[in-house]
Amino acid sequence: MDNRNEEIKSESRLTFMESTSIIVGHGVGAGILAVPYLASRAPWWDFLWVLAVAYVVNLLLHLMIAELSLNNNGAQFVKCFENELFTGAF
């Protein structure tokens, strides 16, 4: 069954502020758990470099997720994967 040409139906519409809150919440949630441990084990300049690199990587990943959802008419994350990844002969 070829699902590539089927349009994904969105379950809901998110406002810009709701979408921003989700992205920020995921980034802050994981980061808050790692920050105290990292800060206690490393010098402050190393901590700042790691923090900056982690922020950039996190931002790029979340922008990729947002673009995937946008290209699938605002579909939920799992529905996007069903249409984009789990298709083909295998």
PDB file of N, CA and C in Angstrom:
ATOM      1  N   MET A   1       0.845  -1.180   0.000  1.00  0.00           N
ATOM      2  CA  MET A   1       0.000   0.000   0.000  1.00  0.00           C
ATOM      3  C   MET A   1       0.887   1.238   0.000  1.00  0.00           C
ATOM      4  N   ASP A   2       0.679   2.119  -0.933  1.00  0.00           N
ATOM      5  CA  ASP A   2       1.506   3.311  -1.071  1.00  0.00           C
ATOM      6  C   ASP A   2       0.817   4.503  -0.404  1.00  0.00           C
ATOM      7  N   ASN A   3       1.389   4.965   0.726  1.00  0.00           N
ATOM      8  CA  ASN A   3       0.780   6.053   1.494  1.00  0.00           C
ATOM      9  C   ASN A   3       1.395   7.405   1.177  1.00  0.00           C
ATOM     10  N   ARG A   4       2.349   7.467   0.271  1.00  0.00           N
ATOM     11  CA  ARG A   4       3.066   8.721   0.035  1.00  0.00           C
ATOM     12  C   ARG A   4       2.166   9.816  -0.519  1.00  0.00           C
ATOM     13  N   ASN A   5       1.167   9.455  -1.294  1.00  0.00           N
ATOM     14  CA  ASN A   5       0.320  10.461  -1.910  1.00  0.00           C
ATOM     15  C   ASN A   5      -0.908  10.803  -1.084  1.00  0.00           C
ATOM     16  N   GLU A   6      -1.117  10.097   0.016  1.00  0.00           N
ATOM     17  CA  GLU A   6      -2.253  10.394   0.877  1.00  0.00           C
ATOM     18  C   GLU A   6      -1.960  11.617   1.732  1.00  0.00           C
ATOM     19  N   GLU A   7      -2.955  12.436   1.889  1.00  0.00           N
ATOM     20  CA  GLU A   7      -2.797  13.628   2.724  1.00  0.00           C
ATOM     21  C   GLU A   7      -3.027  13.249   4.175  1.00  0.00           C
ATOM     22  N   ILE A   8      -2.151  13.724   5.039  1.00  0.00           N
ATOM     23  CA  ILE A   8      -2.285  13.462   6.470  1.00  0.00           C
ATOM     24  C   ILE A   8      -3.249  14.475   7.048  1.00  0.00           C
ATOM     25  N   LYS A   9      -4.205  13.991   7.801  1.00  0.00           N
ATOM     26  CA  LYS A   9      -5.170  14.875   8.440  1.00  0.00           C
ATOM     27  C   LYS A   9      -4.631  15.271   9.817  1.00  0.00           C
ATOM     28  N   SER A  10      -4.697  16.536  10.112  1.00  0.00           N
ATOM     29  CA  SER A  10      -4.236  17.051  11.395  1.00  0.00           C
ATOM     30  C   SER A  10      -5.336  16.892  12.431  1.00  0.00           C
ATOM     31  N   GLU A  11      -4.961  16.485  13.645  1.00  0.00           N
ATOM     32  CA  GLU A  11      -5.940  16.354  14.710  1.00  0.00           C
ATOM     33  C   GLU A  11      -6.312  17.697  15.312  1.00  0.00           C
ATOM     34  N   SER A  12      -5.388  18.647  15.272  1.00  0.00           N
ATOM     35  CA  SER A  12      -5.676  19.963  15.843  1.00  0.00           C
ATOM     36  C   SER A  12      -4.743  20.988  15.231  1.00  0.00           C
ATOM     37  N   ARG A  13      -5.050  22.242  15.463  1.00  0.00           N
ATOM     38  CA  ARG A  13      -4.210  23.354  15.020  1.00  0.00           C
ATOM     39  C   ARG A  13      -3.600  24.000  16.252  1.00  0.00           C
ATOM     40  N   LEU A  14      -2.304  24.203  16.209  1.00  0.00           N
ATOM     41  CA  LEU A  14      -1.616  24.872  17.309  1.00  0.00           C
ATOM     42  C   LEU A  14      -1.333  26.308  16.921  1.00  0.00           C
ATOM     43  N   THR A  15      -1.427  27.179  17.893  1.00  0.00           N
ATOM     44  CA  THR A  15      -1.048  28.564  17.648  1.00  0.00           C
ATOM     45  C   THR A  15       0.469  28.660  17.673  1.00  0.00           C
ATOM     46  N   PHE A  16       0.993  29.786  17.240  1.00  0.00           N
ATOM     47  CA  PHE A  16       2.443  29.992  17.259  1.00  0.00           C
ATOM     48  C   PHE A  16       2.970  29.892  18.692  1.00  0.00           C
ATOM     49  N   MET A  17       2.256  30.484  19.643  1.00  0.00           N
ATOM     50  CA  MET A  17       2.712  30.472  21.034  1.00  0.00           C
ATOM     51  C   MET A  17       2.687  29.056  21.621  1.00  0.00           C
ATOM     52  N   GLU A  18       1.677  28.264  21.299  1.00  0.00           N
ATOM     53  CA  GLU A  18       1.613  26.887  21.783  1.00  0.00           C
ATOM     54  C   GLU A  18       2.758  26.058  21.203  1.00  0.00           C
ATOM     55  N   SER A  19       3.036  26.227  19.926  1.00  0.00           N
ATOM     56  CA  SER A  19       4.139  25.496  19.290  1.00  0.00           C
ATOM     57  C   SER A  19       5.479  25.887  19.892  1.00  0.00           C
ATOM     58  N   THR A  20       5.673  27.179  20.113  1.00  0.00           N
ATOM     59  CA  THR A  20       6.912  27.657  20.737  1.00  0.00           C
ATOM     60  C   THR A  20       7.057  27.097  22.142  1.00  0.00           C
ATOM     61  N   SER A  21       5.972  27.059  22.884  1.00  0.00           N
ATOM     62  CA  SER A  21       6.010  26.534  24.256  1.00  0.00           C
ATOM     63  C   SER A  21       6.395  25.065  24.285  1.00  0.00           C
ATOM     64  N   ILE A  22       5.904  24.287  23.339  1.00  0.00           N
ATOM     65  CA  ILE A  22       6.251  22.862  23.280  1.00  0.00           C
ATOM     66  C   ILE A  22       7.741  22.689  23.004  1.00  0.00           C
ATOM     67  N   ILE A  23       8.266  23.414  22.036  1.00  0.00           N
ATOM     68  CA  ILE A  23       9.680  23.294  21.691  1.00  0.00           C
ATOM     69  C   ILE A  23      10.564  23.733  22.858  1.00  0.00           C
ATOM     70  N   VAL A  24      10.249  24.861  23.462  1.00  0.00           N
ATOM     71  CA  VAL A  24      11.039  25.356  24.594  1.00  0.00           C
ATOM     72  C   VAL A  24      10.917  24.402  25.779  1.00  0.00           C
ATOM     73  N   GLY A  25       9.730  23.900  26.032  1.00  0.00           N
ATOM     74  CA  GLY A  25       9.523  22.984  27.157  1.00  0.00           C
ATOM     75  C   GLY A  25      10.325  21.708  27.044  1.00  0.00           C
ATOM     76  N   HIS A  26      10.395  21.140  25.853  1.00  0.00           N
ATOM     77  CA  HIS A  26      11.194  19.921  25.675  1.00  0.00           C
ATOM     78  C   HIS A  26      12.683  20.201  25.873  1.00  0.00           C
ATOM     79  N   GLY A  27      13.153  21.304  25.347  1.00  0.00           N
ATOM     80  CA  GLY A  27      14.570  21.648  25.487  1.00  0.00           C
ATOM     81  C   GLY A  27      14.955  21.951  26.916  1.00  0.00           C
ATOM     82  N   VAL A  28      14.138  22.723  27.594  1.00  0.00           N
ATOM     83  CA  VAL A  28      14.438  23.101  28.977  1.00  0.00           C
ATOM     84  C   VAL A  28      14.306  21.897  29.896  1.00  0.00           C
ATOM     85  N   GLY A  29      13.302  21.073  29.664  1.00  0.00           N
ATOM     86  CA  GLY A  29      13.070  19.918  30.535  1.00  0.00           C
ATOM     87  C   GLY A  29      14.271  18.981  30.607  1.00  0.00           C
ATOM     88  N   ALA A  30      14.829  18.627  29.465  1.00  0.00           N
ATOM     89  CA  ALA A  30      15.990  17.732  29.445  1.00  0.00           C
ATOM     90  C   ALA A  30      17.238  18.447  29.931  1.00  0.00           C
ATOM     91  N   GLY A  31      17.376  19.711  29.584  1.00  0.00           N
ATOM     92  CA  GLY A  31      18.567  20.459  29.967  1.00  0.00           C
ATOM     93  C   GLY A  31      18.668  20.703  31.455  1.00  0.00           C
ATOM     94  N   ILE A  32      17.561  20.947  32.098  1.00  0.00           N
ATOM     95  CA  ILE A  32      17.567  21.240  33.527  1.00  0.00           C
ATOM     96  C   ILE A  32      18.077  20.044  34.325  1.00  0.00           C
ATOM     97  N   LEU A  33      17.819  18.854  33.860  1.00  0.00           N
ATOM     98  CA  LEU A  33      18.275  17.669  34.579  1.00  0.00           C
ATOM     99  C   LEU A  33      19.792  17.481  34.480  1.00  0.00           C
ATOM    100  N   ALA A  34      20.399  17.909  33.375  1.00  0.00           N
ATOM    101  CA  ALA A  34      21.827  17.689  33.161  1.00  0.00           C
ATOM    102  C   ALA A  34      22.701  18.835  33.660  1.00  0.00           C
ATOM    103  N   VAL A  35      22.165  20.025  33.759  1.00  0.00           N
ATOM    104  CA  VAL A  35      22.974  21.205  34.079  1.00  0.00           C
ATOM    105  C   VAL A  35      23.673  21.120  35.440  1.00  0.00           C
ATOM    106  N   PRO A  36      23.003  20.792  36.536  1.00  0.00           N
ATOM    107  CA  PRO A  36      23.709  20.772  37.832  1.00  0.00           C
ATOM    108  C   PRO A  36      24.857  19.762  37.887  1.00  0.00           C
ATOM    109  N   TYR A  37      24.660  18.584  37.308  1.00  0.00           N
ATOM    110  CA  TYR A  37      25.714  17.583  37.317  1.00  0.00           C
ATOM    111  C   TYR A  37      26.916  18.056  36.501  1.00  0.00           C
ATOM    112  N   LEU A  38      26.669  18.580  35.308  1.00  0.00           N
ATOM    113  CA  LEU A  38      27.742  19.061  34.447  1.00  0.00           C
ATOM    114  C   LEU A  38      28.491  20.224  35.100  1.00  0.00           C
ATOM    115  N   ALA A  39      27.772  21.128  35.690  1.00  0.00           N
ATOM    116  CA  ALA A  39      28.394  22.301  36.319  1.00  0.00           C
ATOM    117  C   ALA A  39      29.258  21.909  37.506  1.00  0.00           C
ATOM    118  N   SER A  40      28.879  20.875  38.221  1.00  0.00           N
ATOM    119  CA  SER A  40      29.665  20.466  39.391  1.00  0.00           C
ATOM    120  C   SER A  40      30.936  19.713  39.010  1.00  0.00           C
ATOM    121  N   ARG A  41      31.011  19.185  37.795  1.00  0.00           N
ATOM    122  CA  ARG A  41      32.144  18.350  37.385  1.00  0.00           C
ATOM    123  C   ARG A  41      33.142  19.043  36.457  1.00  0.00           C
ATOM    124  N   ALA A  42      32.822  20.217  35.938  1.00  0.00           N
ATOM    125  CA  ALA A  42      33.681  20.837  34.930  1.00  0.00           C
ATOM    126  C   ALA A  42      33.972  22.292  35.283  1.00  0.00           C
ATOM    127  N   PRO A  43      35.084  22.823  34.778  1.00  0.00           N
ATOM    128  CA  PRO A  43      35.342  24.262  34.942  1.00  0.00           C
ATOM    129  C   PRO A  43      34.274  25.074  34.214  1.00  0.00           C
ATOM    130  N   TRP A  44      34.076  26.303  34.606  1.00  0.00           N
ATOM    131  CA  TRP A  44      32.979  27.115  34.077  1.00  0.00           C
ATOM    132  C   TRP A  44      33.107  27.362  32.580  1.00  0.00           C
ATOM    133  N   TRP A  45      34.342  27.526  32.034  1.00  0.00           N
ATOM    134  CA  TRP A  45      34.476  27.785  30.598  1.00  0.00           C
ATOM    135  C   TRP A  45      34.117  26.538  29.783  1.00  0.00           C
ATOM    136  N   ASP A  46      34.473  25.368  30.283  1.00  0.00           N
ATOM    137  CA  ASP A  46      34.066  24.133  29.597  1.00  0.00           C
ATOM    138  C   ASP A  46      32.543  23.976  29.646  1.00  0.00           C
ATOM    139  N   PHE A  47      31.990  24.300  30.774  1.00  0.00           N
ATOM    140  CA  PHE A  47      30.537  24.218  30.939  1.00  0.00           C
ATOM    141  C   PHE A  47      29.829  25.136  29.932  1.00  0.00           C
ATOM    142  N   LEU A  48      30.332  26.334  29.743  1.00  0.00           N
ATOM    143  CA  LEU A  48      29.709  27.267  28.811  1.00  0.00           C
ATOM    144  C   LEU A  48      29.797  26.775  27.363  1.00  0.00           C
ATOM    145  N   TRP A  49      30.945  26.181  26.997  1.00  0.00           N
ATOM    146  CA  TRP A  49      31.083  25.646  25.638  1.00  0.00           C
ATOM    147  C   TRP A  49      30.118  24.483  25.404  1.00  0.00           C
ATOM    148  N   VAL A  50      30.046  23.580  26.347  1.00  0.00           N
ATOM    149  CA  VAL A  50      29.140  22.434  26.213  1.00  0.00           C
ATOM    150  C   VAL A  50      27.694  22.912  26.160  1.00  0.00           C
ATOM    151  N   LEU A  51      27.362  23.881  26.987  1.00  0.00           N
ATOM    152  CA  LEU A  51      26.012  24.425  26.996  1.00  0.00           C
ATOM    153  C   LEU A  51      25.662  25.056  25.649  1.00  0.00           C
ATOM    154  N   ALA A  52      26.573  25.798  25.063  1.00  0.00           N
ATOM    155  CA  ALA A  52      26.337  26.443  23.774  1.00  0.00           C
ATOM    156  C   ALA A  52      26.169  25.401  22.664  1.00  0.00           C
ATOM    157  N   VAL A  53      27.019  24.391  22.636  1.00  0.00           N
ATOM    158  CA  VAL A  53      26.919  23.349  21.610  1.00  0.00           C
ATOM    159  C   VAL A  53      25.613  22.564  21.769  1.00  0.00           C
ATOM    160  N   ALA A  54      25.278  22.220  22.999  1.00  0.00           N
ATOM    161  CA  ALA A  54      24.038  21.483  23.245  1.00  0.00           C
ATOM    162  C   ALA A  54      22.819  22.303  22.828  1.00  0.00           C
ATOM    163  N   TYR A  55      22.852  23.590  23.072  1.00  0.00           N
ATOM    164  CA  TYR A  55      21.743  24.456  22.671  1.00  0.00           C
ATOM    165  C   TYR A  55      21.577  24.474  21.154  1.00  0.00           C
ATOM    166  N   VAL A  56      22.664  24.608  20.427  1.00  0.00           N
ATOM    167  CA  VAL A  56      22.598  24.659  18.967  1.00  0.00           C
ATOM    168  C   VAL A  56      22.090  23.335  18.400  1.00  0.00           C
ATOM    169  N   VAL A  57      22.586  22.224  18.910  1.00  0.00           N
ATOM    170  CA  VAL A  57      22.127  20.909  18.439  1.00  0.00           C
ATOM    171  C   VAL A  57      20.643  20.735  18.737  1.00  0.00           C
ATOM    172  N   ASN A  58      20.244  21.097  19.933  1.00  0.00           N
ATOM    173  CA  ASN A  58      18.847  20.991  20.332  1.00  0.00           C
ATOM    174  C   ASN A  58      17.954  21.861  19.445  1.00  0.00           C
ATOM    175  N   LEU A  59      18.377  23.063  19.179  1.00  0.00           N
ATOM    176  CA  LEU A  59      17.617  23.975  18.339  1.00  0.00           C
ATOM    177  C   LEU A  59      17.456  23.410  16.925  1.00  0.00           C
ATOM    178  N   LEU A  60      18.531  22.878  16.350  1.00  0.00           N
ATOM    179  CA  LEU A  60      18.460  22.296  15.002  1.00  0.00           C
ATOM    180  C   LEU A  60      17.511  21.094  14.949  1.00  0.00           C
ATOM    181  N   LEU A  61      17.570  20.236  15.955  1.00  0.00           N
ATOM    182  CA  LEU A  61      16.682  19.072  15.975  1.00  0.00           C
ATOM    183  C   LEU A  61      15.221  19.486  16.087  1.00  0.00           C
ATOM    184  N   HIS A  62      14.942  20.460  16.937  1.00  0.00           N
ATOM    185  CA  HIS A  62      13.561  20.904  17.088  1.00  0.00           C
ATOM    186  C   HIS A  62      13.055  21.639  15.843  1.00  0.00           C
ATOM    187  N   LEU A  63      13.917  22.361  15.171  1.00  0.00           N
ATOM    188  CA  LEU A  63      13.509  22.996  13.913  1.00  0.00           C
ATOM    189  C   LEU A  63      13.235  21.955  12.828  1.00  0.00           C
ATOM    190  N   MET A  64      13.997  20.866  12.825  1.00  0.00           N
ATOM    191  CA  MET A  64      13.738  19.786  11.876  1.00  0.00           C
ATOM    192  C   MET A  64      12.376  19.148  12.147  1.00  0.00           C
ATOM    193  N   ILE A  65      12.052  18.942  13.419  1.00  0.00           N
ATOM    194  CA  ILE A  65      10.757  18.378  13.789  1.00  0.00           C
ATOM    195  C   ILE A  65       9.632  19.329  13.391  1.00  0.00           C
ATOM    196  N   ALA A  66       9.829  20.625  13.631  1.00  0.00           N
ATOM    197  CA  ALA A  66       8.805  21.612  13.269  1.00  0.00           C
ATOM    198  C   ALA A  66       8.595  21.644  11.756  1.00  0.00           C
ATOM    199  N   GLU A  67       9.663  21.559  10.977  1.00  0.00           N
ATOM    200  CA  GLU A  67       9.533  21.557   9.524  1.00  0.00           C
ATOM    201  C   GLU A  67       8.830  20.300   9.035  1.00  0.00           C
ATOM    202  N   LEU A  68       9.120  19.170   9.646  1.00  0.00           N
ATOM    203  CA  LEU A  68       8.460  17.918   9.281  1.00  0.00           C
ATOM    204  C   LEU A  68       6.960  18.028   9.510  1.00  0.00           C
ATOM    205  N   SER A  69       6.569  18.588  10.638  1.00  0.00           N
ATOM    206  CA  SER A  69       5.152  18.776  10.926  1.00  0.00           C
ATOM    207  C   SER A  69       4.520  19.779   9.971  1.00  0.00           C
ATOM    208  N   LEU A  70       5.217  20.858   9.687  1.00  0.00           N
ATOM    209  CA  LEU A  70       4.707  21.880   8.775  1.00  0.00           C
ATOM    210  C   LEU A  70       4.493  21.317   7.379  1.00  0.00           C
ATOM    211  N   ASN A  71       5.417  20.505   6.893  1.00  0.00           N
ATOM    212  CA  ASN A  71       5.307  19.920   5.561  1.00  0.00           C
ATOM    213  C   ASN A  71       4.211  18.865   5.464  1.00  0.00           C
ATOM    214  N   ASN A  72       3.719  18.398   6.612  1.00  0.00           N
ATOM    215  CA  ASN A  72       2.637  17.411   6.642  1.00  0.00           C
ATOM    216  C   ASN A  72       1.347  18.023   7.179  1.00  0.00           C
ATOM    217  N   ASN A  73       1.159  19.316   6.901  1.00  0.00           N
ATOM    218  CA  ASN A  73      -0.065  20.039   7.258  1.00  0.00           C
ATOM    219  C   ASN A  73      -0.361  20.017   8.751  1.00  0.00           C
ATOM    220  N   GLY A  74       0.654  20.111   9.561  1.00  0.00           N
ATOM    221  CA  GLY A  74       0.466  20.202  11.005  1.00  0.00           C
ATOM    222  C   GLY A  74       0.133  18.894  11.688  1.00  0.00           C
ATOM    223  N   ALA A  75       0.452  17.791  11.070  1.00  0.00           N
ATOM    224  CA  ALA A  75       0.142  16.483  11.655  1.00  0.00           C
ATOM    225  C   ALA A  75       0.987  16.234  12.900  1.00  0.00           C
ATOM    226  N   GLN A  76       0.502  15.340  13.724  1.00  0.00           N
ATOM    227  CA  GLN A  76       1.232  14.963  14.927  1.00  0.00           C
ATOM    228  C   GLN A  76       2.523  14.230  14.547  1.00  0.00           C
ATOM    229  N   PHE A  77       3.447  14.171  15.494  1.00  0.00           N
ATOM    230  CA  PHE A  77       4.790  13.633  15.276  1.00  0.00           C
ATOM    231  C   PHE A  77       4.761  12.195  14.735  1.00  0.00           C
ATOM    232  N   VAL A  78       3.982  11.324  15.344  1.00  0.00           N
ATOM    233  CA  VAL A  78       3.945   9.918  14.939  1.00  0.00           C
ATOM    234  C   VAL A  78       3.331   9.783  13.551  1.00  0.00           C
ATOM    235  N   LYS A  79       2.320  10.573  13.248  1.00  0.00           N
ATOM    236  CA  LYS A  79       1.709  10.524  11.924  1.00  0.00           C
ATOM    237  C   LYS A  79       2.697  10.970  10.839  1.00  0.00           C
ATOM    238  N   CYS A  80       3.533  11.936  11.163  1.00  0.00           N
ATOM    239  CA  CYS A  80       4.554  12.368  10.210  1.00  0.00           C
ATOM    240  C   CYS A  80       5.526  11.237   9.913  1.00  0.00           C
ATOM    241  N   PHE A  81       5.934  10.505  10.941  1.00  0.00           N
ATOM    242  CA  PHE A  81       6.851   9.384  10.735  1.00  0.00           C
ATOM    243  C   PHE A  81       6.197   8.281   9.911  1.00  0.00           C
ATOM    244  N   GLU A  82       4.921   8.029  10.134  1.00  0.00           N
ATOM    245  CA  GLU A  82       4.233   7.006   9.344  1.00  0.00           C
ATOM    246  C   GLU A  82       4.282   7.345   7.863  1.00  0.00           C
ATOM    247  N   ASN A  83       4.121   8.607   7.537  1.00  0.00           N
ATOM    248  CA  ASN A  83       4.096   9.014   6.131  1.00  0.00           C
ATOM    249  C   ASN A  83       5.509   9.151   5.539  1.00  0.00           C
ATOM    250  N   GLU A  84       6.463   9.608   6.305  1.00  0.00           N
ATOM    251  CA  GLU A  84       7.805   9.912   5.797  1.00  0.00           C
ATOM    252  C   GLU A  84       8.776   8.733   5.884  1.00  0.00           C
ATOM    253  N   LEU A  85       8.735   7.977   6.954  1.00  0.00           N
ATOM    254  CA  LEU A  85       9.766   6.948   7.185  1.00  0.00           C
ATOM    255  C   LEU A  85       9.312   5.527   6.895  1.00  0.00           C
ATOM    256  N   PHE A  86       8.102   5.191   7.304  1.00  0.00           N
ATOM    257  CA  PHE A  86       7.691   3.807   7.260  1.00  0.00           C
ATOM    258  C   PHE A  86       6.933   3.461   5.988  1.00  0.00           C
ATOM    259  N   THR A  87       7.528   3.824   4.856  1.00  0.00           N
ATOM    260  CA  THR A  87       6.939   3.497   3.556  1.00  0.00           C
ATOM    261  C   THR A  87       8.002   2.808   2.714  1.00  0.00           C
ATOM    262  N   GLY A  88       7.564   2.110   1.720  1.00  0.00           N
ATOM    263  CA  GLY A  88       8.530   1.483   0.811  1.00  0.00           C
ATOM    264  C   GLY A  88       8.345  -0.016   0.750  1.00  0.00           C
ATOM    265  N   ALA A  89       9.281  -0.665   0.088  1.00  0.00           N
ATOM    266  CA  ALA A  89       9.185  -2.107  -0.165  1.00  0.00           C
ATOM    267  C   ALA A  89       9.379  -2.937   1.086  1.00  0.00           C
ATOM    268  N   PHE A  90      10.181  -2.469   2.007  1.00  0.00           N
ATOM    269  CA  PHE A  90      10.453  -3.275   3.207  1.00  0.00           C
ATOM    270  C   PHE A  90       9.223  -3.368   4.056  1.00  0.00           C
TER     271      PHE A  90
END
